[in-house]
Amino acid sequence: MRIAALALSDCVWSLHMDGWSNDRNSARGRGEDPTTAMPQSPEQPPRAWSQSRPAQGRPGYGGSSEYMPTQAPQPYQEPQNEARQGRGGPPVPPQGRPRRRPRWGRRIGILLLVLVLALVGFTFYLDSNLKRTDALASYSGRVADTPGTNWLLVGSDSRVGLTPAQEKELSTGTAQDAAGSRTDTIMMLHIPSGSGDSTLVSIPRDSELAIPGHGKDKVNAAFGLGGAPLLVQTLEQATKVHIDHYAEIGFGGFANLVDAVGGVNICIDPPGMNDPYSGAHFAPGCQDLSGSQALAYVRDRHDFPDSDVTRVKHQRQFLSALLAKSSSLGTLLNPFTLFPLLTSGTASFTVDSGDHLWNLASLGWAMRGGLVTTTVPFDGGSHWTANAPRFWAALAADQQVPTDLLTTTK
């Protein structure tokens, strides 16, 4: 009986499918949609296969639904990147949180702030590198302030910090040989308050002046007896010019400063120089002088009949050449030259307790432009001439020195 029932079921299923197939063929012949020939339930609209109800299984297959899809239906979405690339377009960025635009103005502002802070910090570091002394100490009857700005520039024979090998190289002798502090170079720079050239005046070290509390003596003795304060007081009372700033440099500092800029070119007149006391041994002609050679050059006086006259001329000549090279673009734009110059230069100077790095900068700036260089009128020995009061009176009044009182100009 079971076998007969199964056979009957297959026969009915076959007849049903045959009939539906015939209907499709007839529909094709009439030009109709063959899918309409498939019998549909009038109560339910057509459904997609993924939306159909689970089948109960065909008779004879145990009612199994293992071939039916098990996932929940989801609408299909084409990936945007792949779709755009497939059509030849540029890739579409993934959807998500929009990227924030870089704030270049803020970044540049922070960078500028950091640079300004670094510059300020470096400036104060260099300023603290300067040695200081109370050179412009007040005293009874001090000369009142005079117009313009006046610097006292001193080159001392200080050997502080020099090793025996350096003392031999620089031909300075030992500290015991020096027998106290002395100065080989004394200059006064007047910077006018208005327009006009600055005036650099050499004061021979053997000039005989009245030293307060010590009677008459050579001016460099004032430095040995009372240091910078007594030297300032002596010169203010002798010239009636108020001194506003003070700068001093020793042997070692001078040599280091010259070496920091890579040497200075100087033209030496015939027949050259050959002085065993200062160590100056130079053939005539233009040549670059190192620090030790430059020190010998500005100290030599035994090679010249007029002694100090030529020496102070060489000192002014070399100072002008050194400032010209220090302030040149080749030095200022080269960090490998500029930074050693700044660090060694500030460590080499001794200034008044009220002076700072920016005061030294103004000094260098004043000497870069037009500069009149001369020597105080003197007899070639140790005495100032009768023209000296008129010479100093012009500077005290912030006026140009009359040309008939100038010994040399530049």
Protein backbone atom coordinates (compact mmCIF):
# COMPACT_ATOMS: atom_id res chain seq x y z
CA MET A 1 0.00 0.00 0.00
CA ARG A 2 2.85 2.35 0.88
CA ILE A 3 4.50 1.76 -2.44
CA ALA A 4 1.25 2.41 -4.32
CA ALA A 5 0.72 5.68 -2.44
CA LEU A 6 4.19 6.95 -3.32
CA ALA A 7 3.75 6.09 -6.96
CA LEU A 8 0.43 7.91 -7.09
CA SER A 9 1.97 11.00 -5.48
CA ASP A 10 4.75 11.14 -8.06
CA CYS A 11 2.29 10.79 -10.86
CA VAL A 12 0.18 13.70 -9.65
CA TRP A 13 3.29 15.93 -9.23
CA SER A 14 4.48 15.10 -12.71
CA LEU A 15 1.11 15.92 -14.25
CA HIS A 16 1.03 19.24 -12.42
CA MET A 17 4.46 20.26 -13.67
CA ASP A 18 3.66 19.17 -17.20
CA GLY A 19 0.60 21.34 -17.22
CA TRP A 20 2.46 24.37 -16.01
CA SER A 21 5.13 23.83 -18.63
CA ASN A 22 2.49 23.66 -21.36
CA ASP A 23 0.98 26.91 -20.14
CA ARG A 24 4.38 28.62 -20.37
CA ASN A 25 4.93 27.44 -23.89
CA SER A 26 1.48 28.68 -24.90
CA ALA A 27 2.21 32.06 -23.36
CA ARG A 28 5.41 32.36 -25.34
CA GLY A 29 3.51 31.65 -28.49
CA ARG A 30 1.06 34.45 -27.75
CA GLY A 31 3.86 36.89 -26.84
CA GLU A 32 2.85 37.02 -23.22
CA ASP A 33 5.06 36.92 -20.10
CA PRO A 34 5.47 33.21 -19.45
CA THR A 35 5.78 33.88 -15.69
CA THR A 36 2.12 34.89 -15.59
CA ALA A 37 1.17 31.43 -16.60
CA MET A 38 2.40 30.11 -13.30
CA PRO A 39 -0.56 29.69 -11.00
CA GLN A 40 -0.61 32.21 -8.20
CA SER A 41 -2.62 32.26 -5.09
CA PRO A 42 -5.30 34.92 -5.33
CA GLU A 43 -5.05 35.63 -1.63
CA GLN A 44 -1.28 36.43 -1.49
CA PRO A 45 0.91 38.64 -3.73
CA PRO A 46 4.03 37.17 -5.31
CA ARG A 47 7.02 36.95 -2.93
CA ALA A 48 10.74 36.76 -3.41
CA TRP A 49 12.34 33.49 -2.53
CA SER A 50 14.04 35.02 0.48
CA GLN A 51 10.63 36.18 1.80
CA SER A 52 8.75 32.94 1.30
CA ARG A 53 7.53 30.89 4.19
CA PRO A 54 9.55 27.90 5.16
CA ALA A 55 8.55 24.92 3.06
CA GLN A 56 7.16 21.88 4.66
CA GLY A 57 9.21 19.65 2.46
CA ARG A 58 8.36 17.58 -0.50
CA PRO A 59 6.64 14.32 0.11
CA GLY A 60 9.10 11.52 0.20
CA TYR A 61 12.06 13.71 1.40
CA GLY A 62 11.19 13.66 5.07
CA GLY A 63 10.02 17.26 5.13
CA SER A 64 13.67 18.54 5.44
CA SER A 65 14.38 22.28 5.10
CA GLU A 66 18.19 22.05 5.06
CA TYR A 67 18.37 23.65 1.61
CA MET A 68 16.45 26.78 2.56
CA PRO A 69 18.44 30.02 3.22
CA THR A 70 18.93 30.73 6.91
CA GLN A 71 20.17 34.38 6.93
CA ALA A 72 17.88 37.30 7.59
CA PRO A 73 17.20 39.36 4.44
CA GLN A 74 19.33 42.54 4.13
CA PRO A 75 19.17 45.23 1.44
CA TYR A 76 22.18 45.07 -0.86
CA GLN A 77 24.61 48.04 -0.79
CA GLU A 78 27.44 48.34 -3.25
CA PRO A 79 30.80 49.32 -1.62
CA GLN A 80 31.46 52.93 -2.62
CA ASN A 81 35.23 52.68 -3.09
CA GLU A 82 34.99 49.57 -5.20
CA ALA A 83 32.06 50.94 -7.19
CA ARG A 84 33.79 54.24 -7.90
CA GLN A 85 37.09 52.60 -8.78
CA GLY A 86 35.29 50.17 -11.07
CA ARG A 87 33.82 53.10 -12.97
CA GLY A 88 37.23 54.79 -13.30
CA GLY A 89 36.57 57.55 -10.75
CA PRO A 90 38.75 58.53 -7.78
CA PRO A 91 38.34 56.58 -4.56
CA VAL A 92 35.79 57.92 -2.16
CA PRO A 93 37.17 58.58 1.34
CA PRO A 94 35.63 56.39 3.99
CA GLN A 95 32.74 57.85 5.83
CA GLY A 96 33.57 58.97 9.35
CA ARG A 97 34.59 61.93 11.46
CA PRO A 98 35.76 64.84 9.24
CA ARG A 99 39.48 65.71 9.53
CA ARG A 100 40.31 69.04 11.14
CA ARG A 101 42.20 71.49 8.97
CA PRO A 102 45.75 72.30 10.21
CA ARG A 103 45.90 75.69 11.92
CA TRP A 104 48.99 77.13 10.23
CA GLY A 105 48.52 80.57 11.74
CA ARG A 106 48.60 79.14 15.23
CA ARG A 107 51.64 76.99 14.46
CA ILE A 108 53.57 79.92 13.00
CA GLY A 109 52.64 82.06 16.01
CA ILE A 110 53.94 79.42 18.42
CA LEU A 111 57.17 79.06 16.40
CA LEU A 112 57.75 82.83 16.45
CA LEU A 113 57.11 82.93 20.19
CA VAL A 114 59.65 80.17 20.78
CA LEU A 115 62.24 81.99 18.64
CA VAL A 116 61.67 85.27 20.49
CA LEU A 117 62.00 83.57 23.88
CA ALA A 118 65.18 81.81 22.73
CA LEU A 119 66.66 85.10 21.47
CA VAL A 120 65.80 86.90 24.71
CA GLY A 121 67.26 84.07 26.77
CA PHE A 122 70.48 84.00 24.72
CA THR A 123 70.81 87.78 25.01
CA PHE A 124 70.56 87.67 28.80
CA TYR A 125 73.03 84.77 28.86
CA LEU A 126 75.57 86.84 26.90
CA ASP A 127 74.89 89.85 29.11
CA SER A 128 75.60 87.77 32.23
CA ASN A 129 78.86 86.65 30.58
CA LEU A 130 80.27 90.18 30.83
CA LYS A 131 82.60 90.97 33.71
CA ARG A 132 81.61 94.07 35.67
CA THR A 133 83.33 96.65 37.85
CA ASP A 134 82.16 99.84 39.53
CA ALA A 135 84.18 102.01 37.14
CA LEU A 136 81.88 105.05 37.12
CA ALA A 137 81.62 105.44 40.87
CA SER A 138 80.45 108.82 42.06
CA TYR A 139 82.93 111.17 43.74
CA SER A 140 82.84 114.65 45.20
CA GLY A 141 82.99 117.39 42.56
CA ARG A 142 82.38 115.04 39.63
CA VAL A 143 81.97 116.66 36.22
CA ALA A 144 78.31 117.21 35.39
CA ASP A 145 76.71 115.34 32.52
CA THR A 146 77.75 116.65 29.10
CA PRO A 147 75.75 116.24 25.86
CA GLY A 148 76.37 113.26 23.64
CA THR A 149 77.62 109.86 24.80
CA ASN A 150 81.20 109.25 25.89
CA TRP A 151 82.92 105.86 26.23
CA LEU A 152 86.26 105.21 27.91
CA LEU A 153 87.96 102.26 26.19
CA VAL A 154 90.88 100.63 27.96
CA GLY A 155 93.28 97.88 26.89
CA SER A 156 94.91 96.55 30.03
CA ASP A 157 97.97 94.35 30.38
CA SER A 158 95.99 91.93 32.54
CA ARG A 159 97.33 88.39 32.33
CA VAL A 160 94.49 86.90 34.32
CA GLY A 161 93.63 83.42 33.03
CA LEU A 162 96.77 83.05 30.91
CA THR A 163 98.87 79.92 31.27
CA PRO A 164 102.69 80.12 31.17
CA ALA A 165 102.57 78.76 27.62
CA GLN A 166 100.11 81.50 26.58
CA GLU A 167 102.21 84.19 28.26
CA LYS A 168 105.19 82.98 26.21
CA GLU A 169 103.17 82.81 22.97
CA LEU A 170 101.75 86.32 23.46
CA SER A 171 105.10 87.76 24.63
CA THR A 172 103.38 89.33 27.62
CA GLY A 173 105.83 88.35 30.34
CA THR A 174 104.56 87.04 33.65
CA ALA A 175 102.25 88.66 36.16
CA GLN A 176 105.30 89.20 38.40
CA ASP A 177 107.01 91.11 35.59
CA ALA A 178 104.02 93.41 35.24
CA ALA A 179 104.21 94.51 38.91
CA GLY A 180 100.54 95.48 39.11
CA SER A 181 97.84 96.46 36.63
CA ARG A 182 98.76 98.81 33.83
CA THR A 183 97.17 99.91 30.60
CA ASP A 184 98.79 100.16 27.18
CA THR A 185 95.72 101.56 25.41
CA ILE A 186 93.45 104.43 26.50
CA MET A 187 90.84 105.85 24.10
CA MET A 188 87.78 108.03 24.46
CA LEU A 189 84.91 107.71 21.98
CA HIS A 190 82.45 110.60 21.65
CA ILE A 191 79.10 109.80 19.99
CA PRO A 192 77.18 112.98 19.10
CA SER A 193 73.56 113.28 20.22
CA GLY A 194 72.48 114.46 16.77
CA SER A 195 73.90 113.93 13.32
CA GLY A 196 77.61 113.88 12.63
CA ASP A 197 80.50 111.47 12.88
CA SER A 198 81.73 109.93 16.10
CA THR A 199 85.22 110.90 17.28
CA LEU A 200 87.75 108.37 18.57
CA VAL A 201 90.56 110.00 20.57
CA SER A 202 93.78 108.24 21.59
CA ILE A 203 95.32 109.30 24.90
CA PRO A 204 99.03 108.36 25.12
CA ARG A 205 99.66 106.26 28.20
CA ASP A 206 102.67 108.43 29.20
CA SER A 207 100.54 111.60 29.36
CA GLU A 208 101.41 113.37 32.60
CA LEU A 209 98.25 114.36 34.48
CA ALA A 210 97.17 115.20 38.00
CA ILE A 211 96.00 111.99 39.68
CA PRO A 212 93.62 112.69 42.57
CA GLY A 213 95.37 111.89 45.83
CA HIS A 214 98.68 111.03 44.17
CA GLY A 215 99.98 114.21 42.55
CA LYS A 216 101.21 114.30 38.95
CA ASP A 217 102.12 111.09 37.20
CA LYS A 218 101.64 109.21 33.94
CA VAL A 219 98.00 108.55 33.23
CA ASN A 220 98.44 104.79 33.15
CA ALA A 221 99.69 105.02 36.74
CA ALA A 222 96.15 105.99 37.77
CA PHE A 223 94.95 102.61 36.53
CA GLY A 224 97.69 100.86 38.51
CA LEU A 225 97.00 102.88 41.66
CA GLY A 226 93.21 102.81 41.77
CA GLY A 227 91.95 100.75 38.86
CA ALA A 228 89.14 101.89 36.59
CA PRO A 229 87.45 104.31 39.07
CA LEU A 230 90.63 106.37 39.58
CA LEU A 231 91.40 106.37 35.85
CA VAL A 232 87.89 107.68 35.09
CA GLN A 233 88.17 110.38 37.74
CA THR A 234 91.60 111.47 36.48
CA LEU A 235 90.43 111.82 32.86
CA GLU A 236 87.13 113.54 33.72
CA GLN A 237 88.94 116.20 35.75
CA ALA A 238 91.61 116.67 33.06
CA THR A 239 89.20 116.88 30.09
CA LYS A 240 86.01 118.25 31.71
CA VAL A 241 84.14 115.58 29.70
CA HIS A 242 81.64 113.39 31.54
CA ILE A 243 82.24 109.67 30.89
CA ASP A 244 79.01 107.64 30.48
CA HIS A 245 80.26 104.11 29.75
CA TYR A 246 83.37 102.02 30.36
CA ALA A 247 84.80 98.97 28.55
CA GLU A 248 88.08 97.16 29.22
CA ILE A 249 89.77 94.19 27.58
CA GLY A 250 92.93 92.29 28.60
CA PHE A 251 95.68 90.61 26.61
CA GLY A 252 94.06 87.19 26.44
CA GLY A 253 90.60 88.56 25.65
CA PHE A 254 91.94 90.68 22.81
CA ALA A 255 93.73 87.72 21.22
CA ASN A 256 90.64 85.50 21.60
CA LEU A 257 88.43 88.13 20.00
CA VAL A 258 90.68 88.38 16.95
CA ASP A 259 90.88 84.59 16.61
CA ALA A 260 87.06 84.35 16.86
CA VAL A 261 86.63 86.34 13.63
CA GLY A 262 89.35 84.36 11.85
CA GLY A 263 92.05 87.04 12.00
CA VAL A 264 92.19 90.61 10.71
CA ASN A 265 93.92 91.87 7.57
CA ILE A 266 96.41 94.69 8.18
CA CYS A 267 98.77 96.43 5.77
CA ILE A 268 102.21 97.00 7.30
CA ASP A 269 104.39 99.81 6.01
CA PRO A 270 108.01 99.26 4.96
CA PRO A 271 110.45 98.28 6.30
CA GLY A 272 108.20 96.06 8.42
CA MET A 273 108.36 95.42 12.17
CA ASN A 274 110.91 93.56 14.26
CA ASP A 275 110.45 94.12 17.99
CA PRO A 276 111.62 91.44 20.48
CA TYR A 277 109.80 93.13 23.38
CA SER A 278 106.28 92.85 21.94
CA GLY A 279 107.01 89.88 19.65
CA ALA A 280 106.14 91.85 16.51
CA HIS A 281 108.02 90.33 13.56
CA PHE A 282 106.30 91.23 10.27
CA ALA A 283 107.40 91.74 6.71
CA PRO A 284 105.96 94.77 4.90
CA GLY A 285 102.70 94.28 2.99
CA CYS A 286 99.09 93.30 3.67
CA GLN A 287 98.58 90.13 5.70
CA ASP A 288 96.11 88.43 8.02
CA LEU A 289 97.11 88.66 11.68
CA SER A 290 96.09 86.04 14.22
CA GLY A 291 95.24 86.92 17.81
CA SER A 292 98.78 86.68 19.13
CA GLN A 293 100.17 88.57 16.12
CA ALA A 294 97.54 91.31 16.47
CA LEU A 295 98.44 91.78 20.12
CA ALA A 296 102.10 92.19 19.18
CA TYR A 297 101.17 94.66 16.44
CA VAL A 298 99.21 97.03 18.71
CA ARG A 299 101.84 96.88 21.50
CA ASP A 300 104.97 97.59 19.46
CA ARG A 301 106.51 101.04 19.98
CA HIS A 302 110.24 100.32 19.90
CA ASP A 303 110.36 100.10 16.10
CA PHE A 304 109.34 103.74 15.61
CA PRO A 305 111.22 106.98 16.28
CA ASP A 306 108.06 108.67 17.59
CA SER A 307 107.24 105.68 19.82
CA ASP A 308 103.70 106.17 21.18
CA VAL A 309 102.56 108.34 18.27
CA THR A 310 102.79 105.48 15.80
CA ARG A 311 101.61 102.92 18.33
CA VAL A 312 98.32 104.71 19.09
CA LYS A 313 97.83 105.17 15.34
CA HIS A 314 98.20 101.40 14.88
CA GLN A 315 95.79 100.78 17.74
CA ARG A 316 93.07 102.91 16.13
CA GLN A 317 93.77 101.35 12.74
CA PHE A 318 93.45 97.83 14.07
CA LEU A 319 90.32 98.59 16.13
CA SER A 320 88.57 99.96 13.04
CA ALA A 321 89.55 96.88 10.99
CA LEU A 322 88.39 94.53 13.76
CA LEU A 323 85.00 96.23 14.06
CA ALA A 324 84.57 96.25 10.27
CA LYS A 325 85.13 92.50 10.07
CA SER A 326 83.03 91.73 13.15
CA SER A 327 80.04 93.57 11.71
CA SER A 328 80.41 92.30 8.12
CA LEU A 329 77.71 90.12 6.53
CA GLY A 330 80.20 87.27 6.20
CA THR A 331 80.49 87.20 10.00
CA LEU A 332 76.88 87.93 10.93
CA LEU A 333 75.43 85.31 8.56
CA ASN A 334 77.92 82.58 9.51
CA PRO A 335 76.82 80.91 12.78
CA PHE A 336 80.18 79.12 13.08
CA THR A 337 81.85 82.55 13.31
CA LEU A 338 79.10 84.61 14.95
CA PHE A 339 78.48 82.42 18.02
CA PRO A 340 82.17 82.04 18.98
CA LEU A 341 82.55 85.79 18.49
CA LEU A 342 79.62 86.55 20.79
CA THR A 343 80.59 84.09 23.50
CA SER A 344 84.33 84.84 23.52
CA GLY A 345 83.74 88.57 23.06
CA THR A 346 81.40 88.94 26.01
CA ALA A 347 83.70 86.82 28.19
CA SER A 348 86.64 89.07 27.25
CA PHE A 349 85.13 92.44 28.22
CA THR A 350 84.90 94.14 31.60
CA VAL A 351 82.28 96.89 31.71
CA ASP A 352 80.80 99.25 34.26
CA SER A 353 78.21 97.75 36.59
CA GLY A 354 75.50 99.77 34.84
CA ASP A 355 76.48 98.71 31.30
CA HIS A 356 74.91 95.84 29.36
CA LEU A 357 75.26 93.93 26.12
CA TRP A 358 72.99 96.33 24.24
CA ASN A 359 75.25 99.23 25.29
CA LEU A 360 78.21 97.43 23.69
CA ALA A 361 76.08 96.87 20.59
CA SER A 362 75.41 100.61 20.34
CA LEU A 363 79.16 101.22 20.71
CA GLY A 364 79.95 98.93 17.80
CA TRP A 365 77.18 100.48 15.70
CA ALA A 366 78.51 104.00 16.33
CA MET A 367 81.98 102.97 15.15
CA ARG A 368 80.73 101.29 11.96
CA GLY A 369 79.80 104.51 10.17
CA GLY A 370 81.79 107.67 9.70
CA LEU A 371 84.49 107.88 12.34
CA VAL A 372 87.02 110.64 12.99
CA THR A 373 90.19 109.25 14.59
CA THR A 374 92.78 111.46 16.20
CA THR A 375 95.16 111.89 19.14
CA VAL A 376 94.82 114.52 21.84
CA PRO A 377 97.21 117.39 20.97
CA PHE A 378 100.50 116.60 22.74
CA ASP A 379 104.21 117.28 22.27
CA GLY A 380 105.13 113.74 21.28
CA GLY A 381 106.26 112.98 24.80
CA SER A 382 104.30 113.21 28.02
CA HIS A 383 102.67 116.65 27.91
CA TRP A 384 99.49 117.90 26.27
CA THR A 385 99.88 121.12 24.32
CA ALA A 386 98.07 124.41 24.83
CA ASN A 387 95.50 123.30 22.23
CA ALA A 388 94.27 120.43 24.40
CA PRO A 389 91.69 122.51 26.37
CA ARG A 390 90.08 123.75 23.14
CA PHE A 391 90.10 120.19 21.78
CA TRP A 392 88.25 118.80 24.83
CA ALA A 393 85.89 121.76 25.06
CA ALA A 394 84.54 120.94 21.59
CA LEU A 395 83.71 117.38 22.62
CA ALA A 396 82.21 118.55 25.94
CA ALA A 397 79.89 120.83 23.95
CA ASP A 398 78.94 117.95 21.59
CA GLN A 399 80.61 119.65 18.62
CA GLN A 400 82.99 118.44 15.95
CA VAL A 401 86.66 118.98 16.79
CA PRO A 402 88.13 121.82 14.69
CA THR A 403 90.13 120.38 11.82
CA ASP A 404 93.27 122.30 12.81
CA LEU A 405 93.36 120.29 16.04
CA LEU A 406 93.10 116.89 14.39
CA THR A 407 96.27 114.85 13.97
CA THR A 408 94.79 112.17 11.72
CA THR A 409 91.36 111.67 10.14
CA LYS A 410 89.59 108.70 8.62
